[in-house]
Amino acid sequence: MSDKDTHTHIERTEKTGGSTGLAFIVGGLVVAVGVIAWVIYGGADDDVDISIEGVGEAVESASESVGEAAESAAGAAENAAESAAESAESAAEAVESGTENN
């Protein structure tokens, strides 16, 4: 008889770490369900009561300050106009006196 050498080679491969995409999808679904549950069952109350005290005094003070600033700006504009008029008059006088001397 002839001698036959028979060898059997079995190779095993394992797939690991290939489910990260699935983990992100499942995690996103869990977060979405949690947010929806919070909104439906434990969300904010519909009865919100907000009161702000002292607003009238603050508005009155602010309006007084704005009025004072407006008066100050008007006074400054009037002073600037008077100063410009005086400068124009003195410039006109200087031009007239310069033309008379020639």
N, C-alpha and C. Protein backbone atom coordinates (compact mmCIF):
# COMPACT_ATOMS: atom_id res chain seq x y z
N MET A 1 0.79 -1.16 0.00
CA MET A 1 0.00 0.00 0.00
C MET A 1 0.84 1.24 0.00
N SER A 2 0.27 2.26 -0.52
CA SER A 2 1.05 3.48 -0.57
C SER A 2 0.72 4.31 0.66
N ASP A 3 1.70 5.03 1.06
CA ASP A 3 1.51 5.91 2.21
C ASP A 3 0.95 7.26 1.74
N LYS A 4 -0.17 7.60 2.21
CA LYS A 4 -0.77 8.89 1.88
C LYS A 4 -0.68 9.79 3.09
N ASP A 5 -0.18 10.95 2.81
CA ASP A 5 -0.15 11.97 3.88
C ASP A 5 -1.31 12.94 3.64
N THR A 6 -2.20 12.90 4.51
CA THR A 6 -3.31 13.83 4.40
C THR A 6 -3.26 14.77 5.59
N HIS A 7 -3.28 16.01 5.25
CA HIS A 7 -3.26 17.04 6.29
C HIS A 7 -4.54 17.89 6.15
N THR A 8 -5.13 18.14 7.24
CA THR A 8 -6.30 18.99 7.25
C THR A 8 -5.94 20.25 8.02
N HIS A 9 -6.19 21.35 7.36
CA HIS A 9 -5.88 22.66 7.97
C HIS A 9 -7.19 23.43 8.14
N ILE A 10 -7.52 23.74 9.38
CA ILE A 10 -8.75 24.49 9.67
C ILE A 10 -8.34 25.84 10.23
N GLU A 11 -8.90 26.88 9.66
CA GLU A 11 -8.56 28.24 10.09
C GLU A 11 -9.84 28.92 10.59
N ARG A 12 -9.75 29.49 11.76
CA ARG A 12 -10.89 30.19 12.34
C ARG A 12 -10.61 31.68 12.35
N THR A 13 -11.60 32.44 11.93
CA THR A 13 -11.47 33.90 12.01
C THR A 13 -12.68 34.42 12.76
N GLU A 14 -12.43 35.37 13.62
CA GLU A 14 -13.51 35.99 14.37
C GLU A 14 -13.57 37.47 14.02
N LYS A 15 -14.77 37.94 13.84
CA LYS A 15 -14.96 39.35 13.52
C LYS A 15 -15.25 40.09 14.83
N THR A 16 -14.40 41.05 15.17
CA THR A 16 -14.61 41.81 16.40
C THR A 16 -14.58 43.30 16.07
N GLY A 17 -15.34 44.07 16.81
CA GLY A 17 -15.32 45.53 16.67
C GLY A 17 -16.05 46.05 15.47
N GLY A 18 -16.85 45.29 14.84
CA GLY A 18 -17.54 45.74 13.65
C GLY A 18 -18.91 46.32 13.92
N SER A 19 -19.32 46.42 15.17
CA SER A 19 -20.68 46.86 15.46
C SER A 19 -20.72 48.26 16.07
N THR A 20 -19.71 49.09 15.82
CA THR A 20 -19.72 50.43 16.40
C THR A 20 -20.81 51.29 15.77
N GLY A 21 -21.07 51.12 14.49
CA GLY A 21 -22.14 51.87 13.84
C GLY A 21 -23.49 51.53 14.44
N LEU A 22 -23.71 50.26 14.69
CA LEU A 22 -24.96 49.83 15.31
C LEU A 22 -25.08 50.39 16.73
N ALA A 23 -23.98 50.48 17.44
CA ALA A 23 -24.00 51.03 18.79
C ALA A 23 -24.39 52.50 18.77
N PHE A 24 -23.91 53.27 17.80
CA PHE A 24 -24.29 54.68 17.69
C PHE A 24 -25.78 54.83 17.37
N ILE A 25 -26.28 53.98 16.51
CA ILE A 25 -27.70 54.04 16.16
C ILE A 25 -28.57 53.72 17.37
N VAL A 26 -28.22 52.66 18.10
CA VAL A 26 -28.98 52.29 19.29
C VAL A 26 -28.89 53.39 20.34
N GLY A 27 -27.71 53.97 20.52
CA GLY A 27 -27.54 55.06 21.48
C GLY A 27 -28.37 56.27 21.11
N GLY A 28 -28.41 56.62 19.83
CA GLY A 28 -29.23 57.73 19.38
C GLY A 28 -30.71 57.49 19.61
N LEU A 29 -31.15 56.26 19.39
CA LEU A 29 -32.55 55.93 19.64
C LEU A 29 -32.88 56.03 21.12
N VAL A 30 -31.97 55.58 21.97
CA VAL A 30 -32.20 55.67 23.42
C VAL A 30 -32.32 57.13 23.85
N VAL A 31 -31.44 57.98 23.34
CA VAL A 31 -31.49 59.41 23.68
C VAL A 31 -32.79 60.02 23.17
N ALA A 32 -33.20 59.70 21.97
CA ALA A 32 -34.44 60.24 21.41
C ALA A 32 -35.65 59.83 22.24
N VAL A 33 -35.71 58.57 22.63
CA VAL A 33 -36.82 58.09 23.46
C VAL A 33 -36.80 58.79 24.81
N GLY A 34 -35.62 59.02 25.37
CA GLY A 34 -35.52 59.72 26.65
C GLY A 34 -36.01 61.15 26.56
N VAL A 35 -35.64 61.85 25.50
CA VAL A 35 -36.09 63.24 25.32
C VAL A 35 -37.59 63.29 25.13
N ILE A 36 -38.12 62.40 24.33
CA ILE A 36 -39.57 62.38 24.12
C ILE A 36 -40.31 62.08 25.42
N ALA A 37 -39.80 61.14 26.21
CA ALA A 37 -40.43 60.82 27.49
C ALA A 37 -40.37 62.01 28.44
N TRP A 38 -39.26 62.73 28.45
CA TRP A 38 -39.14 63.91 29.32
C TRP A 38 -40.14 64.98 28.92
N VAL A 39 -40.28 65.20 27.61
CA VAL A 39 -41.20 66.22 27.13
C VAL A 39 -42.65 65.84 27.48
N ILE A 40 -43.00 64.57 27.32
CA ILE A 40 -44.38 64.15 27.54
C ILE A 40 -44.70 64.07 29.03
N TYR A 41 -43.82 63.46 29.81
CA TYR A 41 -44.16 63.17 31.21
C TYR A 41 -43.57 64.15 32.21
N GLY A 42 -42.42 64.68 31.97
CA GLY A 42 -41.79 65.50 32.99
C GLY A 42 -41.35 66.85 32.51
N GLY A 43 -41.91 67.34 31.44
CA GLY A 43 -41.51 68.62 30.88
C GLY A 43 -41.88 69.77 31.79
N ALA A 44 -41.64 70.96 31.31
CA ALA A 44 -41.92 72.16 32.09
C ALA A 44 -43.42 72.31 32.30
N ASP A 45 -43.76 72.95 33.42
CA ASP A 45 -45.17 73.22 33.72
C ASP A 45 -45.72 74.24 32.74
N ASP A 46 -46.99 74.11 32.47
CA ASP A 46 -47.64 75.10 31.62
C ASP A 46 -48.01 76.35 32.40
N ASP A 47 -48.09 76.22 33.71
CA ASP A 47 -48.46 77.35 34.57
C ASP A 47 -47.20 78.09 35.00
N VAL A 48 -46.81 79.08 34.25
CA VAL A 48 -45.63 79.87 34.56
C VAL A 48 -46.10 81.24 35.01
N ASP A 49 -45.64 81.66 36.18
CA ASP A 49 -46.03 82.96 36.72
C ASP A 49 -44.77 83.78 36.92
N ILE A 50 -44.65 84.86 36.17
CA ILE A 50 -43.47 85.71 36.26
C ILE A 50 -43.93 87.10 36.69
N SER A 51 -43.32 87.60 37.73
CA SER A 51 -43.63 88.97 38.15
C SER A 51 -42.33 89.73 38.33
N ILE A 52 -42.31 90.93 37.81
CA ILE A 52 -41.13 91.77 37.90
C ILE A 52 -41.51 93.00 38.70
N GLU A 53 -40.84 93.20 39.81
CA GLU A 53 -41.17 94.31 40.69
C GLU A 53 -40.16 95.43 40.51
N GLY A 54 -40.62 96.65 40.66
CA GLY A 54 -39.74 97.79 40.57
C GLY A 54 -39.48 98.27 39.16
N VAL A 55 -40.20 97.75 38.20
CA VAL A 55 -39.97 98.14 36.81
C VAL A 55 -40.42 99.58 36.58
N GLY A 56 -41.53 99.97 37.19
CA GLY A 56 -42.04 101.32 36.99
C GLY A 56 -41.04 102.38 37.42
N GLU A 57 -40.38 102.16 38.56
CA GLU A 57 -39.38 103.11 39.04
C GLU A 57 -38.18 103.16 38.10
N ALA A 58 -37.77 102.01 37.60
CA ALA A 58 -36.62 101.97 36.70
C ALA A 58 -36.94 102.68 35.38
N VAL A 59 -38.15 102.49 34.88
CA VAL A 59 -38.54 103.14 33.63
C VAL A 59 -38.63 104.65 33.83
N GLU A 60 -39.17 105.07 34.96
CA GLU A 60 -39.27 106.50 35.25
C GLU A 60 -37.88 107.13 35.34
N SER A 61 -36.97 106.45 36.03
CA SER A 61 -35.60 106.96 36.15
C SER A 61 -34.91 107.02 34.79
N ALA A 62 -35.13 106.00 33.98
CA ALA A 62 -34.52 105.98 32.64
C ALA A 62 -35.07 107.10 31.78
N SER A 63 -36.38 107.35 31.88
CA SER A 63 -36.96 108.41 31.06
C SER A 63 -36.45 109.78 31.50
N GLU A 64 -36.24 109.98 32.80
CA GLU A 64 -35.67 111.23 33.28
C GLU A 64 -34.25 111.42 32.75
N SER A 65 -33.48 110.32 32.76
CA SER A 65 -32.10 110.40 32.26
C SER A 65 -32.07 110.71 30.78
N VAL A 66 -32.98 110.12 30.03
CA VAL A 66 -33.03 110.38 28.59
C VAL A 66 -33.43 111.83 28.34
N GLY A 67 -34.38 112.33 29.12
CA GLY A 67 -34.79 113.73 28.97
C GLY A 67 -33.65 114.69 29.28
N GLU A 68 -32.91 114.42 30.34
CA GLU A 68 -31.77 115.26 30.69
C GLU A 68 -30.70 115.22 29.61
N ALA A 69 -30.45 114.04 29.06
CA ALA A 69 -29.46 113.91 27.99
C ALA A 69 -29.90 114.67 26.75
N ALA A 70 -31.20 114.63 26.44
CA ALA A 70 -31.71 115.36 25.28
C ALA A 70 -31.55 116.87 25.48
N GLU A 71 -31.87 117.36 26.69
CA GLU A 71 -31.70 118.79 26.97
C GLU A 71 -30.24 119.19 26.86
N SER A 72 -29.35 118.35 27.37
CA SER A 72 -27.92 118.64 27.30
C SER A 72 -27.43 118.68 25.85
N ALA A 73 -27.91 117.74 25.05
CA ALA A 73 -27.52 117.71 23.64
C ALA A 73 -28.05 118.94 22.91
N ALA A 74 -29.26 119.36 23.24
CA ALA A 74 -29.83 120.54 22.60
C ALA A 74 -29.03 121.78 22.98
N GLY A 75 -28.64 121.88 24.25
CA GLY A 75 -27.82 123.01 24.68
C GLY A 75 -26.47 123.03 23.99
N ALA A 76 -25.87 121.87 23.85
CA ALA A 76 -24.57 121.79 23.17
C ALA A 76 -24.70 122.18 21.71
N ALA A 77 -25.78 121.76 21.07
CA ALA A 77 -25.99 122.11 19.67
C ALA A 77 -26.21 123.61 19.52
N GLU A 78 -26.95 124.21 20.45
CA GLU A 78 -27.19 125.65 20.41
C GLU A 78 -25.88 126.42 20.60
N ASN A 79 -25.06 125.97 21.55
CA ASN A 79 -23.77 126.61 21.77
C ASN A 79 -22.87 126.50 20.55
N ALA A 80 -22.88 125.33 19.92
CA ALA A 80 -22.06 125.13 18.72
C ALA A 80 -22.54 126.02 17.58
N ALA A 81 -23.85 126.18 17.45
CA ALA A 81 -24.39 127.03 16.39
C ALA A 81 -24.01 128.49 16.64
N GLU A 82 -24.11 128.95 17.88
CA GLU A 82 -23.72 130.32 18.20
C GLU A 82 -22.24 130.55 17.93
N SER A 83 -21.42 129.58 18.31
CA SER A 83 -19.98 129.69 18.09
C SER A 83 -19.65 129.73 16.60
N ALA A 84 -20.34 128.91 15.83
CA ALA A 84 -20.11 128.90 14.39
C ALA A 84 -20.53 130.22 13.77
N ALA A 85 -21.64 130.78 14.25
CA ALA A 85 -22.11 132.07 13.72
C ALA A 85 -21.12 133.17 14.04
N GLU A 86 -20.60 133.18 15.26
CA GLU A 86 -19.62 134.19 15.64
C GLU A 86 -18.34 134.06 14.81
N SER A 87 -17.92 132.81 14.58
CA SER A 87 -16.72 132.58 13.76
C SER A 87 -16.94 133.05 12.33
N ALA A 88 -18.12 132.82 11.81
CA ALA A 88 -18.43 133.24 10.45
C ALA A 88 -18.45 134.76 10.36
N GLU A 89 -19.02 135.42 11.37
CA GLU A 89 -19.04 136.88 11.37
C GLU A 89 -17.63 137.46 11.43
N SER A 90 -16.79 136.90 12.31
CA SER A 90 -15.42 137.43 12.42
C SER A 90 -14.62 137.15 11.15
N ALA A 91 -14.88 136.03 10.50
CA ALA A 91 -14.20 135.73 9.24
C ALA A 91 -14.65 136.70 8.15
N ALA A 92 -15.93 137.01 8.13
CA ALA A 92 -16.45 137.96 7.14
C ALA A 92 -15.87 139.35 7.37
N GLU A 93 -15.76 139.75 8.63
CA GLU A 93 -15.17 141.05 8.95
C GLU A 93 -13.70 141.10 8.53
N ALA A 94 -13.00 139.99 8.75
CA ALA A 94 -11.57 139.95 8.36
C ALA A 94 -11.43 140.03 6.85
N VAL A 95 -12.31 139.39 6.11
CA VAL A 95 -12.23 139.45 4.65
C VAL A 95 -12.54 140.87 4.17
N GLU A 96 -13.56 141.51 4.78
CA GLU A 96 -13.92 142.88 4.39
C GLU A 96 -12.79 143.88 4.69
N SER A 97 -12.19 143.71 5.86
CA SER A 97 -11.10 144.64 6.20
C SER A 97 -9.86 144.38 5.34
N GLY A 98 -9.69 143.16 4.89
CA GLY A 98 -8.55 142.85 4.02
C GLY A 98 -8.75 143.39 2.63
N THR A 99 -9.97 143.43 2.15
CA THR A 99 -10.23 143.95 0.81
C THR A 99 -10.24 145.47 0.80
N GLU A 100 -10.53 146.13 1.90
CA GLU A 100 -10.51 147.59 1.95
C GLU A 100 -9.07 148.14 1.95
N ASN A 101 -8.14 147.41 2.51
CA ASN A 101 -6.76 147.84 2.58
C ASN A 101 -6.04 147.71 1.24
N ASN A 102 -6.54 146.98 0.34
CA ASN A 102 -5.87 146.79 -0.96
C ASN A 102 -6.21 147.84 -1.90
